[in-house]
């Protein structure tokens, strides 16, 4: 018997990521909470809302969520190693990136990337 899961069920999980993110930040160390993402390890942050995300068909199957590109002002010099998505009280998710040296007063461009994919049941 084949398995099936309606796209709406997968979209609901991905929408939680979209709906609970209001900031994107670049960090020099992997944050484990929203304070670390926005302050402790932050090299810069930017407002980042629901319009910055796209939920669409997955590359393999199912559904995926894509984080849109962002140009983030750098507030502290250092080496960016992580990109964090968060709100005032919740660390929503963290991704890694190639270590990139940044200087206070400059900007760092985070290209669009697929953040998560929920595959169809197998």
PDB file of N, CA and C in Angstrom:
ATOM      1  N   UNK A   1       0.843  -1.168   0.000  1.00  0.00           N
ATOM      2  CA  UNK A   1       0.000   0.000   0.000  1.00  0.00           C
ATOM      3  C   UNK A   1       0.898   1.245   0.000  1.00  0.00           C
ATOM      4  N   UNK A   2       0.617   2.171  -0.880  1.00  0.00           N
ATOM      5  CA  UNK A   2       1.382   3.418  -0.961  1.00  0.00           C
ATOM      6  C   UNK A   2       1.029   4.339   0.200  1.00  0.00           C
ATOM      7  N   UNK A   3       2.002   5.145   0.615  1.00  0.00           N
ATOM      8  CA  UNK A   3       1.773   6.129   1.665  1.00  0.00           C
ATOM      9  C   UNK A   3       1.542   7.480   1.022  1.00  0.00           C
ATOM     10  N   UNK A   4       0.783   8.339   1.708  1.00  0.00           N
ATOM     11  CA  UNK A   4       0.457   9.662   1.182  1.00  0.00           C
ATOM     12  C   UNK A   4       0.372  10.641   2.330  1.00  0.00           C
ATOM     13  N   UNK A   5       0.868  11.849   2.116  1.00  0.00           N
ATOM     14  CA  UNK A   5       0.699  12.935   3.070  1.00  0.00           C
ATOM     15  C   UNK A   5       0.375  14.183   2.266  1.00  0.00           C
ATOM     16  N   UNK A   6      -0.716  14.828   2.608  1.00  0.00           N
ATOM     17  CA  UNK A   6      -1.141  16.029   1.910  1.00  0.00           C
ATOM     18  C   UNK A   6      -0.090  17.125   2.045  1.00  0.00           C
ATOM     19  N   UNK A   7       0.166  17.864   0.955  1.00  0.00           N
ATOM     20  CA  UNK A   7       1.133  18.960   0.976  1.00  0.00           C
ATOM     21  C   UNK A   7       0.834  19.974   2.084  1.00  0.00           C
ATOM     22  N   UNK A   8      -0.434  20.159   2.410  1.00  0.00           N
ATOM     23  CA  UNK A   8      -0.801  21.132   3.446  1.00  0.00           C
ATOM     24  C   UNK A   8      -0.214  20.775   4.804  1.00  0.00           C
ATOM     25  N   UNK A   9      -0.085  19.483   5.089  1.00  0.00           N
ATOM     26  CA  UNK A   9       0.502  19.060   6.361  1.00  0.00           C
ATOM     27  C   UNK A   9       1.978  19.441   6.410  1.00  0.00           C
ATOM     28  N   UNK A  10       2.691  19.217   5.315  1.00  0.00           N
ATOM     29  CA  UNK A  10       4.113  19.590   5.264  1.00  0.00           C
ATOM     30  C   UNK A  10       4.264  21.104   5.291  1.00  0.00           C
ATOM     31  N   UNK A  11       3.408  21.799   4.561  1.00  0.00           N
ATOM     32  CA  UNK A  11       3.461  23.265   4.526  1.00  0.00           C
ATOM     33  C   UNK A  11       3.250  23.869   5.907  1.00  0.00           C
ATOM     34  N   UNK A  12       2.416  23.241   6.724  1.00  0.00           N
ATOM     35  CA  UNK A  12       2.157  23.764   8.070  1.00  0.00           C
ATOM     36  C   UNK A  12       3.432  23.743   8.908  1.00  0.00           C
ATOM     37  N   UNK A  13       4.208  22.688   8.810  1.00  0.00           N
ATOM     38  CA  UNK A  13       5.467  22.619   9.542  1.00  0.00           C
ATOM     39  C   UNK A  13       6.466  23.657   9.044  1.00  0.00           C
ATOM     40  N   UNK A  14       6.564  23.814   7.736  1.00  0.00           N
ATOM     41  CA  UNK A  14       7.483  24.797   7.166  1.00  0.00           C
ATOM     42  C   UNK A  14       7.015  26.224   7.457  1.00  0.00           C
ATOM     43  N   UNK A  15       5.704  26.425   7.500  1.00  0.00           N
ATOM     44  CA  UNK A  15       5.158  27.755   7.805  1.00  0.00           C
ATOM     45  C   UNK A  15       5.525  28.195   9.215  1.00  0.00           C
ATOM     46  N   UNK A  16       5.705  27.240  10.135  1.00  0.00           N
ATOM     47  CA  UNK A  16       6.124  27.599  11.493  1.00  0.00           C
ATOM     48  C   UNK A  16       7.476  28.307  11.443  1.00  0.00           C
ATOM     49  N   UNK A  17       8.396  27.820  10.634  1.00  0.00           N
ATOM     50  CA  UNK A  17       9.701  28.469  10.474  1.00  0.00           C
ATOM     51  C   UNK A  17       9.492  29.895   9.975  1.00  0.00           C
ATOM     52  N   UNK A  18       8.726  30.034   8.900  1.00  0.00           N
ATOM     53  CA  UNK A  18       8.462  31.347   8.299  1.00  0.00           C
ATOM     54  C   UNK A  18       7.791  32.291   9.285  1.00  0.00           C
ATOM     55  N   UNK A  19       6.776  31.820   9.966  1.00  0.00           N
ATOM     56  CA  UNK A  19       5.948  32.685  10.808  1.00  0.00           C
ATOM     57  C   UNK A  19       6.592  33.058  12.138  1.00  0.00           C
ATOM     58  N   UNK A  20       7.642  32.342  12.529  1.00  0.00           N
ATOM     59  CA  UNK A  20       8.288  32.616  13.812  1.00  0.00           C
ATOM     60  C   UNK A  20       9.650  33.287  13.676  1.00  0.00           C
ATOM     61  N   UNK A  21       9.996  33.679  12.466  1.00  0.00           N
ATOM     62  CA  UNK A  21      11.265  34.370  12.230  1.00  0.00           C
ATOM     63  C   UNK A  21      10.984  35.841  11.982  1.00  0.00           C
ATOM     64  N   UNK A  22      11.672  36.727  12.739  1.00  0.00           N
ATOM     65  CA  UNK A  22      11.590  38.147  12.408  1.00  0.00           C
ATOM     66  C   UNK A  22      12.970  38.796  12.308  1.00  0.00           C
ATOM     67  N   UNK A  23      14.030  37.974  12.500  1.00  0.00           N
ATOM     68  CA  UNK A  23      15.399  38.471  12.374  1.00  0.00           C
ATOM     69  C   UNK A  23      16.272  37.408  11.717  1.00  0.00           C
ATOM     70  N   UNK A  24      17.235  37.861  10.931  1.00  0.00           N
ATOM     71  CA  UNK A  24      18.308  37.002  10.441  1.00  0.00           C
ATOM     72  C   UNK A  24      19.594  37.607  10.988  1.00  0.00           C
ATOM     73  N   UNK A  25      20.506  36.761  11.401  1.00  0.00           N
ATOM     74  CA  UNK A  25      21.765  37.262  11.931  1.00  0.00           C
ATOM     75  C   UNK A  25      22.936  36.423  11.459  1.00  0.00           C
ATOM     76  N   UNK A  26      24.093  37.065  11.357  1.00  0.00           N
ATOM     77  CA  UNK A  26      25.319  36.341  11.056  1.00  0.00           C
ATOM     78  C   UNK A  26      26.141  36.294  12.334  1.00  0.00           C
ATOM     79  N   UNK A  27      26.678  35.105  12.629  1.00  0.00           N
ATOM     80  CA  UNK A  27      27.337  34.878  13.920  1.00  0.00           C
ATOM     81  C   UNK A  27      28.725  34.263  13.731  1.00  0.00           C
ATOM     82  N   UNK A  28      29.597  34.514  14.709  1.00  0.00           N
ATOM     83  CA  UNK A  28      30.951  33.963  14.653  1.00  0.00           C
ATOM     84  C   UNK A  28      31.045  32.585  15.301  1.00  0.00           C
ATOM     85  N   UNK A  29      30.031  32.163  16.012  1.00  0.00           N
ATOM     86  CA  UNK A  29      29.942  30.859  16.667  1.00  0.00           C
ATOM     87  C   UNK A  29      28.494  30.404  16.579  1.00  0.00           C
ATOM     88  N   UNK A  30      28.256  29.103  16.631  1.00  0.00           N
ATOM     89  CA  UNK A  30      26.877  28.626  16.545  1.00  0.00           C
ATOM     90  C   UNK A  30      26.094  29.030  17.786  1.00  0.00           C
ATOM     91  N   UNK A  31      25.027  29.822  17.605  1.00  0.00           N
ATOM     92  CA  UNK A  31      24.187  30.187  18.751  1.00  0.00           C
ATOM     93  C   UNK A  31      23.281  29.028  19.153  1.00  0.00           C
ATOM     94  N   UNK A  32      22.936  28.997  20.446  1.00  0.00           N
ATOM     95  CA  UNK A  32      22.016  27.966  20.938  1.00  0.00           C
ATOM     96  C   UNK A  32      20.710  28.561  21.442  1.00  0.00           C
ATOM     97  N   UNK A  33      20.603  29.893  21.411  1.00  0.00           N
ATOM     98  CA  UNK A  33      19.349  30.548  21.781  1.00  0.00           C
ATOM     99  C   UNK A  33      19.280  31.904  21.079  1.00  0.00           C
ATOM    100  N   UNK A  34      18.138  32.564  21.203  1.00  0.00           N
ATOM    101  CA  UNK A  34      17.916  33.826  20.495  1.00  0.00           C
ATOM    102  C   UNK A  34      18.839  34.936  20.976  1.00  0.00           C
ATOM    103  N   UNK A  35      19.177  34.954  22.257  1.00  0.00           N
ATOM    104  CA  UNK A  35      20.084  35.976  22.778  1.00  0.00           C
ATOM    105  C   UNK A  35      21.468  35.833  22.160  1.00  0.00           C
ATOM    106  N   UNK A  36      21.951  34.617  22.072  1.00  0.00           N
ATOM    107  CA  UNK A  36      23.250  34.400  21.430  1.00  0.00           C
ATOM    108  C   UNK A  36      23.211  34.784  19.963  1.00  0.00           C
ATOM    109  N   UNK A  37      22.101  34.477  19.280  1.00  0.00           N
ATOM    110  CA  UNK A  37      21.976  34.797  17.855  1.00  0.00           C
ATOM    111  C   UNK A  37      21.932  36.299  17.609  1.00  0.00           C
ATOM    112  N   UNK A  38      21.260  37.029  18.495  1.00  0.00           N
ATOM    113  CA  UNK A  38      21.069  38.455  18.269  1.00  0.00           C
ATOM    114  C   UNK A  38      22.068  39.355  18.962  1.00  0.00           C
ATOM    115  N   UNK A  39      22.809  38.810  19.940  1.00  0.00           N
ATOM    116  CA  UNK A  39      23.715  39.655  20.722  1.00  0.00           C
ATOM    117  C   UNK A  39      25.085  39.007  20.932  1.00  0.00           C
ATOM    118  N   UNK A  40      25.125  37.917  21.685  1.00  0.00           N
ATOM    119  CA  UNK A  40      26.380  37.333  22.150  1.00  0.00           C
ATOM    120  C   UNK A  40      27.349  37.000  21.013  1.00  0.00           C
ATOM    121  N   UNK A  41      26.879  36.272  20.004  1.00  0.00           N
ATOM    122  CA  UNK A  41      27.733  35.835  18.899  1.00  0.00           C
ATOM    123  C   UNK A  41      27.449  36.594  17.608  1.00  0.00           C
ATOM    124  N   UNK A  42      26.628  37.612  17.691  1.00  0.00           N
ATOM    125  CA  UNK A  42      26.190  38.336  16.499  1.00  0.00           C
ATOM    126  C   UNK A  42      27.265  39.271  15.957  1.00  0.00           C
ATOM    127  N   UNK A  43      27.433  39.236  14.645  1.00  0.00           N
ATOM    128  CA  UNK A  43      28.260  40.216  13.946  1.00  0.00           C
ATOM    129  C   UNK A  43      27.381  41.203  13.184  1.00  0.00           C
ATOM    130  N   UNK A  44      26.088  40.893  13.095  1.00  0.00           N
ATOM    131  CA  UNK A  44      25.127  41.780  12.448  1.00  0.00           C
ATOM    132  C   UNK A  44      23.777  41.104  12.322  1.00  0.00           C
ATOM    133  N   UNK A  45      22.703  41.894  12.338  1.00  0.00           N
ATOM    134  CA  UNK A  45      21.344  41.362  12.204  1.00  0.00           C
ATOM    135  C   UNK A  45      20.539  42.240  11.258  1.00  0.00           C
ATOM    136  N   UNK A  46      19.423  41.697  10.814  1.00  0.00           N
ATOM    137  CA  UNK A  46      18.530  42.401   9.901  1.00  0.00           C
ATOM    138  C   UNK A  46      17.109  41.900  10.131  1.00  0.00           C
ATOM    139  N   UNK A  47      16.127  42.807  10.064  1.00  0.00           N
ATOM    140  CA  UNK A  47      14.728  42.378  10.114  1.00  0.00           C
ATOM    141  C   UNK A  47      14.473  41.439   8.939  1.00  0.00           C
ATOM    142  N   UNK A  48      13.747  40.359   9.208  1.00  0.00           N
ATOM    143  CA  UNK A  48      13.567  39.309   8.197  1.00  0.00           C
ATOM    144  C   UNK A  48      12.224  38.647   8.468  1.00  0.00           C
ATOM    145  N   UNK A  49      11.229  38.973   7.655  1.00  0.00           N
ATOM    146  CA  UNK A  49       9.879  38.507   7.925  1.00  0.00           C
ATOM    147  C   UNK A  49       9.363  37.456   6.970  1.00  0.00           C
ATOM    148  N   UNK A  50       8.068  37.257   7.025  1.00  0.00           N
ATOM    149  CA  UNK A  50       7.433  36.193   6.249  1.00  0.00           C
ATOM    150  C   UNK A  50       7.640  36.360   4.740  1.00  0.00           C
ATOM    151  N   UNK A  51       7.754  37.594   4.265  1.00  0.00           N
ATOM    152  CA  UNK A  51       7.934  37.823   2.827  1.00  0.00           C
ATOM    153  C   UNK A  51       9.294  37.348   2.324  1.00  0.00           C
ATOM    154  N   UNK A  52      10.234  37.088   3.226  1.00  0.00           N
ATOM    155  CA  UNK A  52      11.573  36.640   2.839  1.00  0.00           C
ATOM    156  C   UNK A  52      11.656  35.132   2.591  1.00  0.00           C
ATOM    157  N   UNK A  53      10.595  34.417   2.890  1.00  0.00           N
ATOM    158  CA  UNK A  53      10.577  32.963   2.758  1.00  0.00           C
ATOM    159  C   UNK A  53       9.689  32.526   1.610  1.00  0.00           C
ATOM    160  N   UNK A  54      10.020  31.388   0.999  1.00  0.00           N
ATOM    161  CA  UNK A  54       9.184  30.787  -0.037  1.00  0.00           C
ATOM    162  C   UNK A  54       8.988  29.315   0.298  1.00  0.00           C
ATOM    163  N   UNK A  55       7.741  28.875   0.294  1.00  0.00           N
ATOM    164  CA  UNK A  55       7.420  27.457   0.464  1.00  0.00           C
ATOM    165  C   UNK A  55       6.964  26.942  -0.893  1.00  0.00           C
ATOM    166  N   UNK A  56       7.585  25.845  -1.339  1.00  0.00           N
ATOM    167  CA  UNK A  56       7.325  25.355  -2.696  1.00  0.00           C
ATOM    168  C   UNK A  56       7.558  23.844  -2.741  1.00  0.00           C
ATOM    169  N   UNK A  57       7.428  23.271  -3.929  1.00  0.00           N
ATOM    170  CA  UNK A  57       7.690  21.847  -4.115  1.00  0.00           C
ATOM    171  C   UNK A  57       9.147  21.546  -3.769  1.00  0.00           C
ATOM    172  N   UNK A  58       9.370  20.401  -3.131  1.00  0.00           N
ATOM    173  CA  UNK A  58      10.725  19.997  -2.779  1.00  0.00           C
ATOM    174  C   UNK A  58      11.526  19.607  -4.009  1.00  0.00           C
ATOM    175  N   UNK A  59      12.844  19.628  -3.884  1.00  0.00           N
ATOM    176  CA  UNK A  59      13.711  19.253  -5.002  1.00  0.00           C
ATOM    177  C   UNK A  59      13.627  17.764  -5.295  1.00  0.00           C
ATOM    178  N   UNK A  60      13.492  16.954  -4.246  1.00  0.00           N
ATOM    179  CA  UNK A  60      13.404  15.508  -4.411  1.00  0.00           C
ATOM    180  C   UNK A  60      11.956  15.050  -4.402  1.00  0.00           C
ATOM    181  N   UNK A  61      11.220  15.485  -3.393  1.00  0.00           N
ATOM    182  CA  UNK A  61       9.789  15.191  -3.262  1.00  0.00           C
ATOM    183  C   UNK A  61       9.281  16.075  -2.144  1.00  0.00           C
ATOM    184  N   UNK A  62       8.014  16.012  -1.852  1.00  0.00           N
ATOM    185  CA  UNK A  62       7.461  16.766  -0.721  1.00  0.00           C
ATOM    186  C   UNK A  62       7.501  18.266  -0.926  1.00  0.00           C
ATOM    187  N   UNK A  63       7.888  18.994   0.134  1.00  0.00           N
ATOM    188  CA  UNK A  63       7.862  20.453   0.127  1.00  0.00           C
ATOM    189  C   UNK A  63       9.151  20.999   0.737  1.00  0.00           C
ATOM    190  N   UNK A  64       9.506  22.237   0.392  1.00  0.00           N
ATOM    191  CA  UNK A  64      10.703  22.856   0.952  1.00  0.00           C
ATOM    192  C   UNK A  64      10.438  24.312   1.273  1.00  0.00           C
ATOM    193  N   UNK A  65      11.297  24.875   2.140  1.00  0.00           N
ATOM    194  CA  UNK A  65      11.247  26.295   2.445  1.00  0.00           C
ATOM    195  C   UNK A  65      12.602  26.890   2.078  1.00  0.00           C
ATOM    196  N   UNK A  66      12.551  27.994   1.352  1.00  0.00           N
ATOM    197  CA  UNK A  66      13.763  28.674   0.898  1.00  0.00           C
ATOM    198  C   UNK A  66      13.869  30.022   1.592  1.00  0.00           C
ATOM    199  N   UNK A  67      15.046  30.283   2.150  1.00  0.00           N
ATOM    200  CA  UNK A  67      15.348  31.575   2.759  1.00  0.00           C
ATOM    201  C   UNK A  67      15.823  32.511   1.655  1.00  0.00           C
ATOM    202  N   UNK A  68      15.189  33.674   1.547  1.00  0.00           N
ATOM    203  CA  UNK A  68      15.570  34.641   0.531  1.00  0.00           C
ATOM    204  C   UNK A  68      16.886  35.322   0.865  1.00  0.00           C
ATOM    205  N   UNK A  69      17.525  35.883  -0.146  1.00  0.00           N
ATOM    206  CA  UNK A  69      18.791  36.592   0.031  1.00  0.00           C
ATOM    207  C   UNK A  69      18.621  37.784   0.969  1.00  0.00           C
ATOM    208  N   UNK A  70      19.706  38.137   1.655  1.00  0.00           N
ATOM    209  CA  UNK A  70      19.676  39.275   2.572  1.00  0.00           C
ATOM    210  C   UNK A  70      21.042  39.956   2.577  1.00  0.00           C
ATOM    211  N   UNK A  71      21.030  41.281   2.655  1.00  0.00           N
ATOM    212  CA  UNK A  71      22.255  42.056   2.826  1.00  0.00           C
ATOM    213  C   UNK A  71      22.238  42.602   4.243  1.00  0.00           C
ATOM    214  N   UNK A  72      23.132  42.088   5.066  1.00  0.00           N
ATOM    215  CA  UNK A  72      23.115  42.359   6.501  1.00  0.00           C
ATOM    216  C   UNK A  72      24.219  43.351   6.856  1.00  0.00           C
ATOM    217  N   UNK A  73      23.881  44.459   7.546  1.00  0.00           N
ATOM    218  CA  UNK A  73      24.922  45.383   7.989  1.00  0.00           C
ATOM    219  C   UNK A  73      25.769  44.752   9.099  1.00  0.00           C
ATOM    220  N   UNK A  74      27.074  44.893   8.962  1.00  0.00           N
ATOM    221  CA  UNK A  74      28.003  44.330   9.944  1.00  0.00           C
ATOM    222  C   UNK A  74      28.233  45.356  11.050  1.00  0.00           C
ATOM    223  N   UNK A  75      27.969  44.949  12.291  1.00  0.00           N
ATOM    224  CA  UNK A  75      28.136  45.830  13.447  1.00  0.00           C
ATOM    225  C   UNK A  75      29.414  45.546  14.220  1.00  0.00           C
ATOM    226  N   UNK A  76      29.963  44.338  14.056  1.00  0.00           N
ATOM    227  CA  UNK A  76      31.207  43.955  14.738  1.00  0.00           C
ATOM    228  C   UNK A  76      32.089  43.184  13.768  1.00  0.00           C
ATOM    229  N   UNK A  77      33.371  43.486  13.741  1.00  0.00           N
ATOM    230  CA  UNK A  77      34.308  42.755  12.887  1.00  0.00           C
ATOM    231  C   UNK A  77      34.516  41.345  13.426  1.00  0.00           C
ATOM    232  N   UNK A  78      34.747  40.405  12.523  1.00  0.00           N
ATOM    233  CA  UNK A  78      34.991  39.027  12.921  1.00  0.00           C
ATOM    234  C   UNK A  78      34.853  38.108  11.731  1.00  0.00           C
ATOM    235  N   UNK A  79      34.675  36.830  12.014  1.00  0.00           N
ATOM    236  CA  UNK A  79      34.513  35.829  10.960  1.00  0.00           C
ATOM    237  C   UNK A  79      33.135  35.203  11.073  1.00  0.00           C
ATOM    238  N   UNK A  80      32.332  35.385  10.046  1.00  0.00           N
ATOM    239  CA  UNK A  80      30.987  34.795   9.989  1.00  0.00           C
ATOM    240  C   UNK A  80      31.128  33.303   9.703  1.00  0.00           C
ATOM    241  N   UNK A  81      30.485  32.480  10.521  1.00  0.00           N
ATOM    242  CA  UNK A  81      30.474  31.033  10.307  1.00  0.00           C
ATOM    243  C   UNK A  81      29.080  30.433  10.335  1.00  0.00           C
ATOM    244  N   UNK A  82      28.096  31.214  10.854  1.00  0.00           N
ATOM    245  CA  UNK A  82      26.731  30.710  10.979  1.00  0.00           C
ATOM    246  C   UNK A  82      25.727  31.795  10.614  1.00  0.00           C
ATOM    247  N   UNK A  83      24.606  31.361  10.088  1.00  0.00           N
ATOM    248  CA  UNK A  83      23.470  32.243   9.803  1.00  0.00           C
ATOM    249  C   UNK A  83      22.330  31.758  10.684  1.00  0.00           C
ATOM    250  N   UNK A  84      21.751  32.679  11.459  1.00  0.00           N
ATOM    251  CA  UNK A  84      20.703  32.308  12.415  1.00  0.00           C
ATOM    252  C   UNK A  84      19.396  33.010  12.069  1.00  0.00           C
ATOM    253  N   UNK A  85      18.301  32.308  12.282  1.00  0.00           N
ATOM    254  CA  UNK A  85      16.957  32.850  12.124  1.00  0.00           C
ATOM    255  C   UNK A  85      16.304  32.792  13.499  1.00  0.00           C
ATOM    256  N   UNK A  86      15.737  33.917  13.933  1.00  0.00           N
ATOM    257  CA  UNK A  86      15.234  33.966  15.309  1.00  0.00           C
ATOM    258  C   UNK A  86      14.206  35.085  15.468  1.00  0.00           C
ATOM    259  N   UNK A  87      13.587  35.101  16.652  1.00  0.00           N
ATOM    260  CA  UNK A  87      12.762  36.225  17.086  1.00  0.00           C
ATOM    261  C   UNK A  87      13.192  36.552  18.507  1.00  0.00           C
ATOM    262  N   UNK A  88      12.498  37.440  19.169  1.00  0.00           N
ATOM    263  CA  UNK A  88      12.929  37.901  20.489  1.00  0.00           C
ATOM    264  C   UNK A  88      13.174  36.771  21.472  1.00  0.00           C
ATOM    265  N   UNK A  89      12.372  35.737  21.457  1.00  0.00           N
ATOM    266  CA  UNK A  89      12.525  34.688  22.456  1.00  0.00           C
ATOM    267  C   UNK A  89      12.859  33.316  21.927  1.00  0.00           C
ATOM    268  N   UNK A  90      12.934  33.139  20.609  1.00  0.00           N
ATOM    269  CA  UNK A  90      13.084  31.796  20.057  1.00  0.00           C
ATOM    270  C   UNK A  90      14.155  31.760  18.975  1.00  0.00           C
ATOM    271  N   UNK A  91      15.082  30.822  19.113  1.00  0.00           N
ATOM    272  CA  UNK A  91      16.005  30.521  18.031  1.00  0.00           C
ATOM    273  C   UNK A  91      15.274  29.546  17.120  1.00  0.00           C
ATOM    274  N   UNK A  92      14.942  29.980  15.916  1.00  0.00           N
ATOM    275  CA  UNK A  92      14.163  29.165  14.991  1.00  0.00           C
ATOM    276  C   UNK A  92      15.045  28.154  14.272  1.00  0.00           C
ATOM    277  N   UNK A  93      16.219  28.580  13.822  1.00  0.00           N
ATOM    278  CA  UNK A  93      17.114  27.670  13.121  1.00  0.00           C
ATOM    279  C   UNK A  93      18.455  28.314  12.844  1.00  0.00           C
ATOM    280  N   UNK A  94      19.451  27.474  12.570  1.00  0.00           N
ATOM    281  CA  UNK A  94      20.805  27.943  12.285  1.00  0.00           C
ATOM    282  C   UNK A  94      21.360  27.140  11.121  1.00  0.00           C
ATOM    283  N   UNK A  95      22.066  27.822  10.241  1.00  0.00           N
ATOM    284  CA  UNK A  95      22.772  27.170   9.150  1.00  0.00           C
ATOM    285  C   UNK A  95      24.238  27.568   9.180  1.00  0.00           C
ATOM    286  N   UNK A  96      25.078  26.766   8.555  1.00  0.00           N
ATOM    287  CA  UNK A  96      26.493  27.102   8.481  1.00  0.00           C
ATOM    288  C   UNK A  96      26.795  27.757   7.142  1.00  0.00           C
ATOM    289  N   UNK A  97      27.934  28.414   7.086  1.00  0.00           N
ATOM    290  CA  UNK A  97      28.396  29.006   5.827  1.00  0.00           C
ATOM    291  C   UNK A  97      29.918  28.935   5.817  1.00  0.00           C
ATOM    292  N   UNK A  98      30.500  29.174   4.662  1.00  0.00           N
ATOM    293  CA  UNK A  98      31.956  29.219   4.571  1.00  0.00           C
ATOM    294  C   UNK A  98      32.450  30.370   5.436  1.00  0.00           C
ATOM    295  N   UNK A  99      33.473  30.147   6.259  1.00  0.00           N
ATOM    296  CA  UNK A  99      33.991  31.232   7.094  1.00  0.00           C
ATOM    297  C   UNK A  99      34.354  32.446   6.235  1.00  0.00           C
ATOM    298  N   UNK A 100      33.817  33.604   6.629  1.00  0.00           N
ATOM    299  CA  UNK A 100      34.010  34.834   5.865  1.00  0.00           C
ATOM    300  C   UNK A 100      34.346  35.966   6.816  1.00  0.00           C
ATOM    301  N   UNK A 101      35.509  36.589   6.611  1.00  0.00           N
ATOM    302  CA  UNK A 101      35.908  37.727   7.439  1.00  0.00           C
ATOM    303  C   UNK A 101      35.085  38.943   7.050  1.00  0.00           C
ATOM    304  N   UNK A 102      34.578  39.663   8.056  1.00  0.00           N
ATOM    305  CA  UNK A 102      33.781  40.867   7.820  1.00  0.00           C
ATOM    306  C   UNK A 102      34.299  41.989   8.718  1.00  0.00           C
ATOM    307  N   UNK A 103      34.047  43.222   8.292  1.00  0.00           N
ATOM    308  CA  UNK A 103      34.525  44.392   9.020  1.00  0.00           C
ATOM    309  C   UNK A 103      33.351  45.273   9.410  1.00  0.00           C
ATOM    310  N   UNK A 104      33.366  45.755  10.628  1.00  0.00           N
ATOM    311  CA  UNK A 104      32.328  46.648  11.124  1.00  0.00           C
ATOM    312  C   UNK A 104      32.129  47.812  10.156  1.00  0.00           C
ATOM    313  N   UNK A 105      30.884  48.115   9.862  1.00  0.00           N
ATOM    314  CA  UNK A 105      30.553  49.178   8.927  1.00  0.00           C
ATOM    315  C   UNK A 105      30.310  48.673   7.515  1.00  0.00           C
ATOM    316  N   UNK A 106      30.699  47.440   7.249  1.00  0.00           N
ATOM    317  CA  UNK A 106      30.465  46.846   5.936  1.00  0.00           C
ATOM    318  C   UNK A 106      29.141  46.088   5.901  1.00  0.00           C
ATOM    319  N   UNK A 107      29.005  45.252   4.911  1.00  0.00           N
ATOM    320  CA  UNK A 107      27.817  44.397   4.805  1.00  0.00           C
ATOM    321  C   UNK A 107      28.257  42.986   4.446  1.00  0.00           C
ATOM    322  N   UNK A 108      27.402  42.041   4.744  1.00  0.00           N
ATOM    323  CA  UNK A 108      27.615  40.660   4.316  1.00  0.00           C
ATOM    324  C   UNK A 108      26.352  40.235   3.576  1.00  0.00           C
ATOM    325  N   UNK A 109      26.526  39.634   2.420  1.00  0.00           N
ATOM    326  CA  UNK A 109      25.388  39.180   1.620  1.00  0.00           C
ATOM    327  C   UNK A 109      25.211  37.686   1.840  1.00  0.00           C
ATOM    328  N   UNK A 110      24.023  37.320   2.277  1.00  0.00           N
ATOM    329  CA  UNK A 110      23.654  35.915   2.416  1.00  0.00           C
ATOM    330  C   UNK A 110      22.790  35.593   1.205  1.00  0.00           C
ATOM    331  N   UNK A 111      23.267  34.701   0.352  1.00  0.00           N
ATOM    332  CA  UNK A 111      22.515  34.312  -0.839  1.00  0.00           C
ATOM    333  C   UNK A 111      21.299  33.476  -0.432  1.00  0.00           C
ATOM    334  N   UNK A 112      20.287  33.440  -1.278  1.00  0.00           N
ATOM    335  CA  UNK A 112      19.120  32.589  -1.034  1.00  0.00           C
ATOM    336  C   UNK A 112      19.579  31.133  -0.960  1.00  0.00           C
ATOM    337  N   UNK A 113      18.947  30.361  -0.064  1.00  0.00           N
ATOM    338  CA  UNK A 113      19.285  28.940   0.014  1.00  0.00           C
ATOM    339  C   UNK A 113      18.093  28.162   0.549  1.00  0.00           C
ATOM    340  N   UNK A 114      18.040  26.879   0.188  1.00  0.00           N
ATOM    341  CA  UNK A 114      17.000  25.991   0.699  1.00  0.00           C
ATOM    342  C   UNK A 114      17.333  25.683   2.149  1.00  0.00           C
ATOM    343  N   UNK A 115      16.433  26.063   3.054  1.00  0.00           N
ATOM    344  CA  UNK A 115      16.691  25.882   4.476  1.00  0.00           C
ATOM    345  C   UNK A 115      16.266  24.507   4.964  1.00  0.00           C
ATOM    346  N   UNK A 116      15.150  24.000   4.479  1.00  0.00           N
ATOM    347  CA  UNK A 116      14.666  22.698   4.924  1.00  0.00           C
ATOM    348  C   UNK A 116      13.773  22.091   3.860  1.00  0.00           C
ATOM    349  N   UNK A 117      13.715  20.764   3.833  1.00  0.00           N
ATOM    350  CA  UNK A 117      12.830  20.046   2.918  1.00  0.00           C
ATOM    351  C   UNK A 117      12.201  18.884   3.666  1.00  0.00           C
ATOM    352  N   UNK A 118      10.898  18.760   3.533  1.00  0.00           N
ATOM    353  CA  UNK A 118      10.174  17.627   4.102  1.00  0.00           C
ATOM    354  C   UNK A 118       9.793  16.733   2.927  1.00  0.00           C
ATOM    355  N   UNK A 119      10.333  15.539   2.903  1.00  0.00           N
ATOM    356  CA  UNK A 119      10.064  14.623   1.792  1.00  0.00           C
ATOM    357  C   UNK A 119       8.726  13.910   1.968  1.00  0.00           C
ATOM    358  N   UNK A 120       8.182  13.476   0.832  1.00  0.00           N
ATOM    359  CA  UNK A 120       6.978  12.654   0.865  1.00  0.00           C
ATOM    360  C   UNK A 120       7.280  11.370   1.627  1.00  0.00           C
ATOM    361  N   UNK A 121       6.288  10.792   2.318  1.00  0.00           N
ATOM    362  CA  UNK A 121       6.516   9.529   3.017  1.00  0.00           C
ATOM    363  C   UNK A 121       6.886   8.416   2.031  1.00  0.00           C
ATOM    364  N   UNK A 122       7.739   7.537   2.470  1.00  0.00           N
ATOM    365  CA  UNK A 122       8.162   6.432   1.599  1.00  0.00           C
ATOM    366  C   UNK A 122       7.780   5.100   2.221  1.00  0.00           C
TER     367      UNK A 122
END
